[in-house]
Protein backbone atom coordinates (compact mmCIF):
# COMPACT_ATOMS: atom_id res chain seq x y z
CA UNK A 1 -1.93 8.22 0.76
CA UNK A 2 -0.42 11.79 1.67
CA UNK A 3 -2.10 12.80 -1.38
CA UNK A 4 -3.08 16.32 -0.02
CA UNK A 5 0.02 16.92 1.93
CA UNK A 6 2.07 15.70 -0.99
CA UNK A 7 0.52 18.65 -3.07
CA UNK A 8 0.72 21.16 -0.79
CA UNK A 9 4.53 20.79 0.36
CA UNK A 10 5.49 20.75 -3.19
CA UNK A 11 3.48 24.18 -3.49
CA UNK A 12 5.50 25.24 -0.79
CA UNK A 13 8.76 24.44 -2.27
CA UNK A 14 7.69 26.08 -5.66
CA UNK A 15 7.57 29.31 -3.98
CA UNK A 16 11.02 29.29 -3.03
CA UNK A 17 12.67 28.12 -6.23
CA UNK A 18 12.85 31.92 -7.60
CA UNK A 19 14.74 32.67 -4.32
CA UNK A 20 18.21 32.98 -4.29
CA UNK A 21 19.35 31.69 -1.27
CA UNK A 22 18.33 30.43 2.00
CA UNK A 23 17.41 33.56 4.48
CA UNK A 24 15.92 33.63 8.11
CA UNK A 25 12.85 35.45 6.37
CA UNK A 26 11.88 32.75 4.05
CA UNK A 27 12.78 30.20 6.43
CA UNK A 28 9.99 31.47 8.66
CA UNK A 29 7.38 31.79 5.80
CA UNK A 30 8.15 28.24 4.51
CA UNK A 31 8.06 26.63 8.01
CA UNK A 32 4.33 28.33 8.67
CA UNK A 33 3.61 26.80 5.52
CA UNK A 34 4.70 23.29 6.08
CA UNK A 35 2.86 23.83 9.67
CA UNK A 36 -0.29 24.79 7.84
CA UNK A 37 0.04 21.64 5.40
CA UNK A 38 0.74 19.29 8.57
CA UNK A 39 -2.11 20.48 10.63
CA UNK A 40 -4.58 19.95 7.18
CA UNK A 41 -3.18 16.35 7.14
CA UNK A 42 -4.64 15.98 10.39
CA UNK A 43 -1.29 15.44 12.14
CA UNK A 44 -1.25 15.40 15.98
CA UNK A 45 -0.57 19.12 17.23
CA UNK A 46 2.44 18.06 19.26
CA UNK A 47 4.03 16.04 16.47
CA UNK A 48 3.70 19.13 14.47
CA UNK A 49 5.36 21.22 16.96
CA UNK A 50 8.38 19.05 17.29
CA UNK A 51 8.59 18.45 13.47
CA UNK A 52 8.49 22.39 12.64
CA UNK A 53 11.00 23.28 15.41
CA UNK A 54 13.42 20.20 13.83
CA UNK A 55 12.98 21.93 10.28
CA UNK A 56 13.65 25.33 11.46
CA UNK A 57 16.85 24.40 13.55
CA UNK A 58 17.85 22.17 10.63
CA UNK A 59 17.26 24.87 7.83
CA UNK A 60 19.12 27.38 10.11
CA UNK A 61 21.92 25.09 10.83
CA UNK A 62 25.01 23.86 9.18
CA UNK A 63 22.91 21.16 7.34
CA UNK A 64 21.97 23.36 4.72
CA UNK A 65 24.74 22.95 2.07
CA UNK A 66 25.48 26.56 0.45
CA UNK A 67 25.57 24.62 -3.22
CA UNK A 68 21.90 23.65 -2.83
CA UNK A 69 19.16 26.14 -3.96
CA UNK A 70 16.71 27.23 -1.26
CA UNK A 71 14.09 24.60 -2.79
CA UNK A 72 16.57 21.82 -2.75
CA UNK A 73 17.82 22.65 0.72
CA UNK A 74 14.27 22.63 2.10
CA UNK A 75 13.34 19.38 0.35
CA UNK A 76 16.30 17.90 2.12
CA UNK A 77 15.78 19.07 5.28
CA UNK A 78 11.89 18.14 5.36
CA UNK A 79 12.65 14.78 3.81
CA UNK A 80 15.24 14.14 6.78
CA UNK A 81 12.77 15.16 9.34
CA UNK A 82 10.08 13.34 7.76
CA UNK A 83 12.28 10.06 7.97
CA UNK A 84 13.05 10.76 11.51
CA UNK A 85 9.31 11.30 12.70
CA UNK A 86 8.13 8.15 10.99
CA UNK A 87 10.69 5.95 12.65
CA UNK A 88 14.36 6.38 10.98
CA UNK A 89 15.68 3.18 10.40
CA UNK A 90 13.01 0.40 8.96
CA UNK A 91 12.61 -2.14 11.48
CA UNK A 92 11.70 -6.06 10.09
CA UNK A 93 9.34 -8.23 12.05
CA UNK A 94 10.98 -10.17 14.52
CA UNK A 95 10.77 -14.03 13.79
CA UNK A 96 14.00 -14.67 15.57
CA UNK A 97 12.61 -16.29 18.29
CA UNK A 98 11.87 -19.99 19.31
CA UNK A 99 9.28 -21.40 17.27
CA UNK A 100 6.05 -20.59 17.30
CA UNK A 101 7.09 -17.13 17.26
CA UNK A 102 3.86 -15.44 18.82
CA UNK A 103 2.31 -12.29 17.58
CA UNK A 104 -0.37 -10.37 19.35
CA UNK A 105 -2.77 -8.01 17.56
CA UNK A 106 -4.44 -5.21 19.33
CA UNK A 107 -6.60 -2.44 18.23
CA UNK A 108 -10.12 -0.98 18.31
CA UNK A 109 -13.19 -2.74 16.62
CA UNK A 110 -13.19 -1.54 13.06
CA UNK A 111 -9.82 -0.86 12.48
CA UNK A 112 -9.26 -3.91 10.55
CA UNK A 113 -7.39 -6.19 13.32
CA UNK A 114 -8.81 -9.41 11.47
CA UNK A 115 -8.03 -8.54 7.75
CA UNK A 116 -4.70 -7.32 8.97
CA UNK A 117 -4.25 -10.70 10.44
CA UNK A 118 -4.66 -12.44 7.20
CA UNK A 119 -2.51 -10.12 5.28
CA UNK A 120 0.21 -10.34 7.64
CA UNK A 121 -0.29 -14.35 7.67
CA UNK A 122 -0.23 -14.39 4.03
CA UNK A 123 2.89 -12.29 4.02
CA UNK A 124 4.72 -14.49 6.70
CA UNK A 125 4.03 -17.52 4.29
CA UNK A 126 4.78 -15.93 0.87
CA UNK A 127 8.10 -13.57 1.82
CA UNK A 128 9.36 -15.74 4.67
CA UNK A 129 8.17 -18.98 4.01
CA UNK A 130 6.89 -19.74 7.69
CA UNK A 131 4.00 -21.87 8.56
CA UNK A 132 1.46 -19.97 10.09
CA UNK A 133 -1.48 -20.58 12.63
CA UNK A 134 -4.07 -17.69 13.47
CA UNK A 135 -6.56 -17.85 16.20
CA UNK A 136 -9.29 -15.57 17.20
CA UNK A 137 -9.67 -14.57 20.99
CA UNK A 138 -12.60 -12.46 20.57
CA UNK A 139 -15.33 -13.93 22.44
CA UNK A 140 -17.84 -11.13 22.65
CA UNK A 141 -18.46 -11.26 18.55
CA UNK A 142 -19.26 -15.03 17.45
CA UNK A 143 -18.88 -13.52 13.88
CA UNK A 144 -15.56 -12.60 14.62
CA UNK A 145 -14.52 -16.08 14.53
CA UNK A 146 -16.14 -17.03 11.51
CA UNK A 147 -14.36 -13.90 9.69
CA UNK A 148 -11.05 -14.91 10.61
CA UNK A 149 -11.72 -18.67 9.50
CA UNK A 150 -12.66 -17.37 6.26
CA UNK A 151 -9.69 -15.00 6.07
CA UNK A 152 -7.47 -17.69 7.15
CA UNK A 153 -8.86 -20.08 4.29
CA UNK A 154 -8.42 -17.24 1.36
CA UNK A 155 -5.03 -16.77 2.65
CA UNK A 156 -4.13 -20.63 2.84
CA UNK A 157 -3.28 -20.07 6.79
CA UNK A 158 -3.99 -22.80 9.32
CA UNK A 159 -7.12 -21.87 11.42
CA UNK A 160 -7.05 -22.99 15.36
CA UNK A 161 -10.96 -22.92 16.25
CA UNK A 162 -12.43 -21.40 19.07
CA UNK A 163 -15.48 -20.28 20.45
CA UNK A 164 -17.52 -17.86 22.70
CA UNK A 165 -17.75 -20.05 25.69
CA UNK A 166 -13.82 -20.20 26.11
CA UNK A 167 -11.77 -17.78 27.96
CA UNK A 168 -9.26 -15.72 25.62
CA UNK A 169 -6.21 -16.72 27.81
CA UNK A 170 -7.37 -20.31 27.34
CA UNK A 171 -7.89 -20.11 24.06
CA UNK A 172 -4.46 -18.41 23.34
CA UNK A 173 -2.62 -21.08 25.60
CA UNK A 174 -4.24 -23.87 23.61
CA UNK A 175 -3.55 -22.46 20.04
CA UNK A 176 0.20 -21.96 21.11
CA UNK A 177 0.39 -25.60 22.52
CA UNK A 178 -1.54 -27.09 19.21
CA UNK A 179 1.29 -24.80 17.20
CA UNK A 180 3.97 -26.30 18.69
CA UNK A 181 2.54 -30.08 17.99
CA UNK A 182 2.10 -29.41 14.48
CA UNK A 183 5.49 -27.44 14.21
CA UNK A 184 4.28 -24.18 13.01
CA UNK A 185 6.83 -21.29 12.84
CA UNK A 186 4.01 -18.39 13.68
CA UNK A 187 0.90 -17.92 15.78
CA UNK A 188 -1.09 -14.74 15.19
CA UNK A 189 -3.47 -14.00 17.84
CA UNK A 190 -6.58 -11.79 16.99
CA UNK A 191 -8.07 -10.27 20.11
CA UNK A 192 -11.47 -8.41 20.96
CA UNK A 193 -12.07 -4.99 19.92
CA UNK A 194 -14.24 -2.49 21.10
CA UNK A 195 -15.91 0.70 19.70
CA UNK A 196 -14.02 2.74 22.09
CA UNK A 197 -11.52 2.37 24.77
CA UNK A 198 -12.50 1.02 27.95
CA UNK A 199 -10.87 -0.38 31.24
CA UNK A 200 -12.37 -3.92 30.81
CA UNK A 201 -10.67 -4.37 27.28
CA UNK A 202 -7.68 -2.94 28.53
CA UNK A 203 -7.45 -5.42 31.43
CA UNK A 204 -8.28 -8.29 29.40
CA UNK A 205 -5.80 -7.77 26.62
CA UNK A 206 -3.06 -7.07 29.31
CA UNK A 207 -3.77 -10.17 31.10
CA UNK A 208 -3.60 -12.06 27.79
CA UNK A 209 -0.31 -10.67 27.16
CA UNK A 210 0.97 -11.59 30.23
CA UNK A 211 -0.23 -15.20 29.69
CA UNK A 212 1.43 -15.83 26.29
CA UNK A 213 4.35 -13.20 26.57
CA UNK A 214 4.25 -12.48 22.66
CA UNK A 215 7.60 -11.63 20.48
CA UNK A 216 5.56 -9.09 18.85
CA UNK A 217 2.75 -6.90 20.04
CA UNK A 218 1.31 -5.07 16.99
CA UNK A 219 -1.24 -2.32 17.08
CA UNK A 220 -3.54 -2.15 14.10
CA UNK A 221 -4.59 1.74 13.49
CA UNK A 222 -7.18 2.87 10.94
CA UNK A 223 -5.05 5.61 9.13
CA UNK A 224 -8.25 7.28 8.09
CA UNK A 225 -8.94 8.18 11.47
CA UNK A 226 -6.10 10.97 11.70
CA UNK A 227 -5.88 12.39 15.00
CA UNK A 228 -8.21 10.07 16.70
CA UNK A 229 -5.56 7.22 15.62
CA UNK A 230 -2.55 8.95 17.85
CA UNK A 231 -5.24 9.25 20.59
CA UNK A 232 -6.36 5.51 20.30
CA UNK A 233 -2.48 4.70 20.11
CA UNK A 234 -1.56 6.66 23.28
CA UNK A 235 -4.05 4.52 25.17
CA UNK A 236 -2.94 1.45 23.86
CA UNK A 237 0.81 2.04 24.16
CA UNK A 238 0.09 3.08 27.95
CA UNK A 239 -1.38 -0.20 28.43
CA UNK A 240 0.64 -2.48 26.37
CA UNK A 241 4.43 -2.84 25.78
CA UNK A 242 3.75 -2.32 21.79
CA UNK A 243 6.75 -3.35 19.55
CA UNK A 244 5.14 -2.46 16.12
CA UNK A 245 2.11 -0.64 14.51
CA UNK A 246 0.10 -1.72 11.21
CA UNK A 247 -1.63 0.81 9.21
CA UNK A 248 -4.65 -0.33 7.88
CA UNK A 249 -6.98 1.34 5.08
CA UNK A 250 -3.92 3.61 4.60
CA UNK A 251 -4.93 3.56 0.50
CA UNK A 252 -8.02 5.34 1.30
CA UNK A 253 -6.37 7.97 3.74
CA UNK A 254 -5.19 11.12 1.70
CA UNK A 255 -3.81 13.04 4.67
CA UNK A 256 -1.57 10.93 6.14
CA UNK A 257 -2.07 12.35 9.77
CA UNK A 258 -2.00 8.95 11.35
CA UNK A 259 1.27 7.90 9.59
CA UNK A 260 3.05 10.79 10.82
CA UNK A 261 1.61 11.10 14.37
CA UNK A 262 1.66 7.41 15.71
CA UNK A 263 5.58 6.48 16.06
CA UNK A 264 6.10 9.62 18.17
CA UNK A 265 2.99 8.99 20.04
CA UNK A 266 3.84 5.22 20.72
CA UNK A 267 7.20 5.13 20.62
CA UNK A 268 6.78 1.77 18.41
CA UNK A 269 7.89 1.69 14.45
CA UNK A 270 5.41 1.39 11.66
CA UNK A 271 6.04 -2.06 10.35
CA UNK A 272 3.54 -2.20 7.56
CA UNK A 273 0.66 -0.53 6.00
CA UNK A 274 -2.48 -2.04 4.44
CA UNK A 275 -2.75 -0.58 1.05
CA UNK A 276 -5.86 -2.33 -0.47
CA UNK A 277 -8.66 -4.63 0.37
CA UNK A 278 -6.85 -7.82 -1.05
CA UNK A 279 -5.05 -10.14 1.20
CA UNK A 280 -1.74 -9.31 -0.47
CA UNK A 281 -2.13 -5.66 -0.06
CA UNK A 282 0.14 -5.57 2.74
CA UNK A 283 3.31 -3.35 2.22
CA UNK A 284 6.53 -3.18 4.36
CA UNK A 285 6.60 0.40 6.16
CA UNK A 286 9.90 2.20 4.74
CA UNK A 287 10.41 5.55 6.70
CA UNK A 288 12.84 6.89 3.64
CA UNK A 289 10.77 5.43 0.77
CA UNK A 290 7.63 7.09 2.17
CA UNK A 291 9.11 10.72 2.82
CA UNK A 292 10.39 10.50 -0.67
CA UNK A 293 6.82 9.55 -2.16
CA UNK A 294 5.64 12.50 0.30
CA UNK A 295 7.77 15.04 -1.32
CA UNK A 296 7.08 13.97 -5.08
CA UNK A 297 10.05 11.88 -5.88
CA UNK A 298 8.69 8.45 -5.83
CA UNK A 299 9.75 5.40 -4.77
CA UNK A 300 11.44 3.54 -7.64
CA UNK A 301 13.02 1.09 -5.13
CA UNK A 302 9.48 -0.28 -3.65
CA UNK A 303 8.46 -0.54 -7.30
CA UNK A 304 11.21 -2.67 -8.44
CA UNK A 305 10.87 -4.96 -5.46
CA UNK A 306 6.95 -5.28 -6.02
CA UNK A 307 7.74 -5.97 -9.68
CA UNK A 308 10.33 -8.77 -8.92
CA UNK A 309 7.93 -10.40 -6.25
CA UNK A 310 4.84 -10.19 -8.05
CA UNK A 311 5.28 -10.21 -11.83
CA UNK A 312 5.26 -13.47 -13.52
CA UNK A 313 8.76 -13.08 -15.02
CA UNK A 314 8.54 -16.30 -17.31
CA UNK A 315 5.50 -14.55 -18.84
CA UNK A 316 7.23 -11.36 -19.26
CA UNK A 317 10.08 -12.84 -20.48
CA UNK A 318 8.30 -14.92 -23.36
CA UNK A 319 6.42 -11.73 -24.40
CA UNK A 320 9.68 -9.99 -24.93
CA UNK A 321 11.24 -12.95 -27.22
CA UNK A 322 7.73 -12.99 -29.30
CA UNK A 323 7.94 -9.39 -30.11
CA UNK A 324 11.82 -9.44 -30.76
CA UNK A 325 11.04 -11.82 -33.11
CA UNK A 326 8.55 -9.81 -34.89
CA UNK A 327 5.33 -11.95 -34.15
CA UNK A 328 1.99 -9.98 -33.39
CA UNK A 329 1.15 -8.73 -29.76
CA UNK A 330 -2.33 -10.44 -29.47
CA UNK A 331 -5.39 -10.08 -27.48
CA UNK A 332 -4.36 -12.90 -24.95
CA UNK A 333 -0.87 -10.68 -24.35
CA UNK A 334 -3.25 -7.45 -23.67
CA UNK A 335 -5.03 -9.42 -21.05
CA UNK A 336 -1.78 -10.87 -19.44
CA UNK A 337 -0.48 -7.16 -19.16
CA UNK A 338 -3.58 -5.87 -17.76
CA UNK A 339 -3.85 -8.87 -15.02
CA UNK A 340 -0.25 -8.07 -14.23
CA UNK A 341 -0.82 -4.37 -13.92
CA UNK A 342 -3.41 -5.33 -11.34
CA UNK A 343 -1.17 -7.65 -9.24
CA UNK A 344 0.91 -4.65 -8.64
CA UNK A 345 -2.07 -2.22 -7.16
CA UNK A 346 -3.38 -0.45 -10.66
CA UNK A 347 -2.22 2.30 -12.24
CA UNK A 348 -2.99 4.66 -9.33
CA UNK A 349 -0.48 2.93 -6.92
CA UNK A 350 2.38 2.69 -9.85
CA UNK A 351 2.09 5.78 -10.84
CA UNK A 352 2.47 7.31 -7.09
CA UNK A 353 5.93 5.24 -6.96
CA UNK A 354 7.22 7.04 -10.23
CA UNK A 355 9.05 10.17 -9.61
CA UNK A 356 7.40 13.12 -10.55
CA UNK A 357 3.96 11.15 -10.84
CA UNK A 358 2.31 11.87 -7.54
CA UNK A 359 0.07 14.61 -8.52
CA UNK A 360 -1.08 12.78 -11.57
CA UNK A 361 -1.51 9.72 -9.51
CA UNK A 362 -4.16 11.80 -7.23
CA UNK A 363 -6.11 12.41 -10.18
CA UNK A 364 -6.62 8.90 -11.22
CA UNK A 365 -9.70 7.06 -9.94
CA UNK A 366 -8.30 3.85 -8.78
CA UNK A 367 -11.74 2.28 -8.22
CA UNK A 368 -12.75 3.25 -11.89
CA UNK A 369 -9.59 2.11 -13.18
CA UNK A 370 -9.94 -1.25 -11.49
CA UNK A 371 -13.63 -1.53 -12.86
CA UNK A 372 -12.46 -0.56 -16.39
CA UNK A 373 -9.49 -3.25 -16.31
CA UNK A 374 -12.04 -5.92 -15.18
CA UNK A 375 -14.50 -5.06 -18.04
CA UNK A 376 -11.75 -5.16 -20.54
CA UNK A 377 -10.60 -8.64 -19.30
CA UNK A 378 -14.15 -9.91 -19.18
CA UNK A 379 -14.48 -8.80 -23.26
CA UNK A 380 -11.16 -10.62 -24.16
CA UNK A 381 -12.69 -13.76 -21.99
CA UNK A 382 -15.58 -13.71 -23.96
CA UNK A 383 -13.89 -14.13 -27.12
CA UNK A 384 -12.77 -17.67 -28.82
CA UNK A 385 -8.84 -18.31 -28.59
CA UNK A 386 -8.94 -17.90 -32.62
CA UNK A 387 -10.41 -14.35 -32.11
CA UNK A 388 -7.96 -13.62 -29.35
CA UNK A 389 -4.89 -14.73 -31.58
CA UNK A 390 -6.48 -12.95 -34.56
CA UNK A 391 -8.44 -9.84 -33.94
CA UNK A 392 -8.87 -8.97 -37.41
CA UNK A 393 -11.60 -11.48 -37.83
CA UNK A 394 -13.71 -9.79 -35.17
CA UNK A 395 -16.23 -8.46 -37.65
CA UNK A 396 -19.90 -7.21 -36.71
CA UNK A 397 -21.44 -10.51 -35.72
CA UNK A 398 -18.64 -11.54 -33.44
CA UNK A 399 -18.88 -8.05 -31.64
CA UNK A 400 -22.15 -8.23 -30.97
CA UNK A 401 -21.75 -11.92 -29.53
CA UNK A 402 -18.76 -10.73 -27.59
CA UNK A 403 -20.53 -7.51 -25.92
CA UNK A 404 -23.77 -9.90 -24.78
CA UNK A 405 -21.23 -12.50 -23.74
CA UNK A 406 -19.47 -10.00 -21.44
CA UNK A 407 -22.28 -7.51 -20.94
CA UNK A 408 -21.17 -4.70 -22.17
CA UNK A 409 -21.81 -2.24 -25.37
CA UNK A 410 -20.56 -2.88 -28.86
CA UNK A 411 -18.74 0.42 -28.19
CA UNK A 412 -16.88 -1.05 -25.56
CA UNK A 413 -15.63 -4.00 -27.61
CA UNK A 414 -14.74 -1.61 -30.20
CA UNK A 415 -12.86 0.66 -27.86
CA UNK A 416 -10.81 -2.44 -26.58
CA UNK A 417 -9.74 -3.31 -30.15
CA UNK A 418 -8.71 0.12 -30.91
CA UNK A 419 -6.61 0.11 -27.89
CA UNK A 420 -4.97 -3.30 -28.52
CA UNK A 421 -4.04 -1.87 -32.08
CA UNK A 422 -2.33 1.15 -30.14
CA UNK A 423 -0.44 -1.15 -28.16
CA UNK A 424 0.68 -3.40 -30.82
CA UNK A 425 2.23 -0.43 -32.63
CA UNK A 426 4.13 0.29 -29.72
CA UNK A 427 5.60 -3.17 -29.42
CA UNK A 428 6.12 -3.08 -32.88
CA UNK A 429 8.32 -0.12 -32.59
CA UNK A 430 10.04 -1.67 -29.57
CA UNK A 431 11.19 -4.81 -31.83
CA UNK A 432 12.08 -2.72 -34.62
CA UNK A 433 14.72 -0.90 -31.99
CA UNK A 434 12.58 2.33 -31.68
CA UNK A 435 12.66 2.37 -27.93
CA UNK A 436 13.24 6.45 -28.14
CA UNK A 437 10.40 6.70 -30.29
CA UNK A 438 8.01 4.76 -27.82
CA UNK A 439 9.37 6.75 -25.17
CA UNK A 440 8.31 9.99 -27.13
CA UNK A 441 4.65 8.40 -27.77
CA UNK A 442 4.66 7.37 -24.21
CA UNK A 443 5.54 11.06 -23.44
CA UNK A 444 2.61 12.51 -25.67
CA UNK A 445 0.39 10.16 -24.09
CA UNK A 446 1.08 11.61 -20.61
CA UNK A 447 0.78 15.07 -21.68
CA UNK A 448 -3.06 14.28 -23.02
CA UNK A 449 -4.14 11.45 -19.99
CA UNK A 450 -3.04 8.34 -19.95
CA UNK A 451 -0.50 6.50 -22.28
CA UNK A 452 -1.64 4.41 -25.47
CA UNK A 453 -2.85 0.84 -24.47
CA UNK A 454 -3.73 1.86 -20.88
CA UNK A 455 -7.69 1.84 -20.11
CA UNK A 456 -9.40 5.31 -20.17
CA UNK A 457 -10.96 6.43 -16.91
CA UNK A 458 -14.66 7.35 -16.86
């Protein structure tokens, strides 16, 4: 997300690095470049005008400190403007109402509402320990009800059944009544979408909103639709009192126009961003952290939170003790590390959150990376427990069997074994206190591609 915009802005700031001080001339030139970068990112024109005017005023005003270089000054100004335009302070989803808290989901067909319902439910059960019920009020598309039931099952949520002969208001009221009986904490109501905005759709969702009076009315918008997202957001915000926005498919949007437009257009804060297809791929949206990522400064805070939440700390501690005692890093350990990396969103996601690594993240093909990791895990799974513990015993006949069992070539098995050897050497250096040496290895590895032990991207 924001890959193109981030590259363009960083290039603009580099052009300022050789200048001695801020002047009205270089402010005008830089603001012009920022405007072009935003337009290329498919940001809505009114938002571009407001943003560039804000940047110009701040750059010319007292906010630019004389101690900063021109590049540093502009980065601060643009960072603050980005935070403002994306909503300033983060707002948490409101769960303080009397249970069950009712959340109404709105958006066009194909925006990813139903999947987002599952992701949000999974988030609320996992992060907030809430009991969540979901219901579909989409009576026009029979498959929508079945789809939500499937998603609810996968996410571990309570599903309230409905059918196409019922009225949406009756469905929602019945679900809320059942949720009260079952002492549920939250009810998420999935609504019907259309391929385009029409009066009948808006009248129906207005009536539904009036009947159930939800605590949160969330607008789900496909981040990949760019300026169209802003137009859709405007129509929904005029029809409904939106309380928040969820950006779906944000991981597939390299421009970021929707994220920068939708807050100003609707007046509603962006609460979440869908960053992948998996049901746990929903990130809380922090305007300040997102601005930092856009400007290539990474998002270490989110990375630390993600690691704390998603990494099996018991396994990590066990491996650390094992390495410290000088025991060998075996193939089961390597498999665990790859699975942990996948749980954090893969290499591309991790690199995007590391300072100075944003541009390299854009060069990594996440789909190929995930496929490569899956291939490596399959190879290890095809080995016997003894082979995983003692890789040195894997000779020609064993390699042939392992390759056949995992559906790969013998060269792939050889490549995995070589990568394991490199990783084991790194672990040994760490155990011997050679952390500085290991960092040098990592640095050298980054210069030539991925660090030792990381899967090659083909």
